[in-house]
Protein backbone atom coordinates (compact mmCIF):
# COMPACT_ATOMS: atom_id res chain seq x y z
CA MET A 1 0.04 0.02 -0.02
CA LYS A 2 2.74 2.51 1.09
CA LYS A 3 4.50 1.59 -2.40
CA LEU A 4 1.00 2.46 -4.38
CA LEU A 5 0.82 5.88 -2.33
CA LEU A 6 4.16 6.77 -3.13
CA PHE A 7 3.73 6.12 -6.79
CA ILE A 8 0.88 7.95 -7.23
CA ALA A 9 2.54 10.89 -5.79
CA SER A 10 4.99 10.66 -7.33
CA ILE A 11 3.23 10.52 -10.92
CA ALA A 12 1.13 13.64 -9.03
CA ILE A 13 4.49 15.45 -8.57
CA PHE A 14 5.72 14.92 -12.41
CA MET A 15 2.81 16.05 -13.97
CA GLY A 16 2.77 20.03 -13.27
CA ALA A 17 1.24 22.18 -11.83
CA ASN A 18 -2.24 23.77 -12.56
CA ALA A 19 -1.07 27.22 -11.19
CA GLN A 20 1.92 29.43 -9.17
CA THR A 21 1.79 29.63 -5.82
CA GLY A 22 -0.17 32.59 -4.92
CA THR A 23 -2.74 32.62 -7.73
CA LYS A 24 -6.33 33.85 -6.82
CA SER A 25 -9.35 33.72 -9.04
CA LEU A 26 -12.99 34.30 -8.30
CA MET A 27 -15.84 32.67 -9.69
CA LEU A 28 -19.71 32.41 -10.31
CA LYS A 29 -21.45 29.09 -10.19
CA ALA A 30 -24.80 28.00 -10.44
CA GLY A 31 -26.24 24.41 -9.95
CA TYR A 32 -28.51 21.85 -8.52
CA GLN A 33 -29.09 20.29 -5.01
CA THR A 34 -30.45 16.64 -5.24
CA ASP A 35 -31.80 16.05 -2.21
CA TYR A 36 -33.77 19.12 -1.63
CA LYS A 37 -34.37 19.51 -5.76
CA ARG A 38 -33.53 23.04 -5.75
CA PHE A 39 -31.23 25.60 -7.93
CA GLY A 40 -28.90 27.60 -6.57
CA LEU A 41 -26.56 30.35 -7.44
CA GLY A 42 -22.93 31.00 -5.81
CA VAL A 43 -19.37 32.53 -5.58
CA GLU A 44 -16.25 30.27 -5.12
CA GLY A 45 -12.68 32.14 -4.39
CA ARG A 46 -9.41 30.14 -4.80
CA TYR A 47 -6.39 30.73 -3.82
CA ASN A 48 -3.27 28.14 -4.53
CA ILE A 49 -1.56 27.76 -1.42
CA THR A 50 1.37 25.26 -3.17
CA ASP A 51 1.49 24.40 -6.96
CA ASN A 52 -1.08 21.71 -6.73
CA ILE A 53 -3.27 22.82 -3.37
CA ARG A 54 -5.68 25.31 -3.16
CA LEU A 55 -8.03 26.46 -0.82
CA ALA A 56 -11.53 26.96 -2.12
CA PRO A 57 -14.28 28.76 -0.16
CA ASP A 58 -17.48 29.41 -1.24
CA VAL A 59 -21.03 30.82 -0.56
CA THR A 60 -24.27 29.24 -2.17
CA PHE A 61 -28.04 30.78 -2.11
CA PHE A 62 -30.47 27.87 -3.03
CA LEU A 63 -33.79 29.44 -4.47
CA PRO A 64 -36.61 28.40 -2.62
CA LYS A 65 -38.65 25.51 -3.16
CA ASN A 66 -41.31 24.08 -1.00
CA HIS A 67 -41.05 27.08 0.92
CA THR A 68 -37.51 26.22 1.82
CA THR A 69 -34.84 28.71 1.19
CA GLY A 70 -31.03 27.11 1.62
CA LEU A 71 -27.97 29.13 2.26
CA ASP A 72 -24.45 27.21 2.25
CA ILE A 73 -20.89 27.92 3.23
CA ASN A 74 -17.91 25.84 2.60
CA LEU A 75 -14.61 25.53 3.01
CA ASN A 76 -12.99 22.95 0.66
CA ALA A 77 -9.25 21.98 -0.09
CA HIS A 78 -8.81 20.77 -3.85
CA TYR A 79 -5.34 18.76 -5.32
CA VAL A 80 -5.08 20.03 -8.82
CA LEU A 81 -3.87 17.42 -11.69
CA ASP A 82 -2.81 18.99 -14.77
CA VAL A 83 -4.36 16.28 -17.73
CA GLN A 84 -3.09 18.79 -20.81
CA ASP A 85 -3.23 21.93 -21.87
CA GLY A 86 -5.99 24.08 -20.16
CA LEU A 87 -7.32 21.26 -18.90
CA SER A 88 -7.04 20.23 -14.76
CA ILE A 89 -9.11 17.87 -12.73
CA TYR A 90 -9.01 17.65 -8.87
CA PRO A 91 -10.59 15.69 -6.15
CA LEU A 92 -11.79 18.05 -3.14
CA ALA A 93 -12.45 17.61 0.48
CA GLY A 94 -13.74 20.32 2.81
CA ILE A 95 -16.05 21.14 5.80
CA GLY A 96 -19.68 22.94 5.45
CA VAL A 97 -21.99 24.95 7.24
CA ILE A 98 -25.30 24.08 5.55
CA ASN A 99 -28.70 26.74 6.42
CA ASN A 100 -32.59 25.73 5.95
CA ARG A 101 -35.11 28.39 6.23
CA ILE A 102 -38.55 27.12 5.94
CA SER A 103 -41.15 30.30 5.28
CA SER A 104 -44.51 30.46 6.81
CA PHE A 105 -47.15 29.15 5.30
CA ASP A 106 -50.87 28.34 5.31
CA ILE A 107 -51.76 24.39 5.68
CA GLY A 108 -55.58 25.15 5.55
CA ASP A 109 -58.37 25.81 7.95
CA GLY A 110 -56.80 28.96 9.12
CA ALA A 111 -53.57 26.91 10.50
CA LYS A 112 -50.38 28.40 9.61
CA ILE A 113 -46.67 26.84 10.00
CA LYS A 114 -44.22 29.32 11.11
CA SER A 115 -41.07 30.29 9.64
CA PHE A 116 -38.26 28.45 11.53
CA GLY A 117 -34.61 27.27 10.30
CA SER A 118 -31.85 24.95 11.19
CA THR A 119 -28.10 24.77 10.78
CA ASP A 120 -26.17 21.77 10.39
CA PHE A 121 -22.41 21.15 9.90
CA GLY A 122 -21.17 18.92 7.05
CA PHE A 123 -18.45 17.02 5.47
CA ASN A 124 -17.79 17.50 1.38
CA LEU A 125 -16.19 14.95 -1.24
CA GLY A 126 -16.15 15.40 -4.76
CA ALA A 127 -14.31 16.14 -7.69
CA GLY A 128 -14.23 18.93 -10.72
CA ALA A 129 -12.63 20.05 -13.77
CA SER A 130 -11.24 23.11 -15.16
CA TYR A 131 -10.97 24.29 -18.38
CA ASP A 132 -8.77 27.20 -19.33
CA LEU A 133 -10.73 29.85 -21.76
CA SER A 134 -7.66 32.39 -21.78
CA SER A 135 -5.15 33.23 -19.68
CA ASN A 136 -7.14 34.87 -17.19
CA SER A 137 -10.63 32.85 -17.54
CA TYR A 138 -11.83 29.12 -17.06
CA ALA A 139 -14.84 27.11 -16.92
CA ASN A 140 -15.53 24.82 -14.15
CA PHE A 141 -17.51 21.86 -13.55
CA GLU A 142 -18.07 20.05 -10.17
CA PHE A 143 -19.80 17.14 -8.49
CA LYS A 144 -19.71 17.63 -4.54
CA TYR A 145 -21.43 15.33 -1.93
CA THR A 146 -22.14 16.90 1.59
CA PHE A 147 -22.17 14.05 4.40
CA GLN A 148 -24.52 15.53 7.02
CA ASP A 149 -28.25 14.60 8.83
CA VAL A 150 -29.82 15.20 5.36
CA ASP A 151 -26.76 14.18 3.04
CA CYS A 152 -27.13 15.74 -0.55
CA ALA A 153 -24.86 16.29 -3.78
CA SER A 154 -24.89 19.58 -5.61
CA ILE A 155 -23.73 19.84 -9.42
CA MET A 156 -22.63 23.03 -10.23
CA VAL A 157 -21.08 24.82 -13.24
CA GLY A 158 -19.26 28.30 -13.00
CA TYR A 159 -17.34 30.88 -14.79
CA GLY A 160 -14.07 32.20 -13.24
CA VAL A 161 -11.49 35.05 -13.50
CA LYS A 162 -8.07 34.76 -12.34
CA PHE A 163 -6.31 37.58 -10.89
C-alpha cells in the first residue's frame, strides 16, 4: 500500500501544476442540489497555497422550493492535477455549514406553519474539472457530496476569472 501511495504521489508531482503558488481567482457558479431538488447560485474564491493544493471557500444561495430556502457556506481543499494544456481535474474535501429556512405558509383551515430555520455541519467530498478559456478566465464543472443529517449532492458549473 505504501508503494502504491508513493507511486501516485510521484506521478502527481511530475505531472506539473495548474497554477503557481499565490494565484487567486473568483468564480460565479450555478447548479442543482439533488436531495432538496432546488437550484443554486453562488460565488467561490480560490487561492493556491502550493502548486497543486488550493483552498476554495464558497457561498451558495439555494432558491426557494416547497417554502425552503438554503444558504451553504463551505471551505474545501482541491488537489489540482493537469491533464493537458488548459484542462485540469481535482478531487476535493472540506467542511460546510448548511442552513435551511422554512417560510411560514398556510396549511388549510386557518392553520399556519411559522418560519423556522436549521443549521447543520457537514463534510464534503467530490471532484471537479477546470478548462482555461483564456490566460485569465476558465470554465468549471464540479460534483460534491455533503455528508450531514440530510446528505445531499450538488452539481455546479461556473465561470471564473484569475487575478
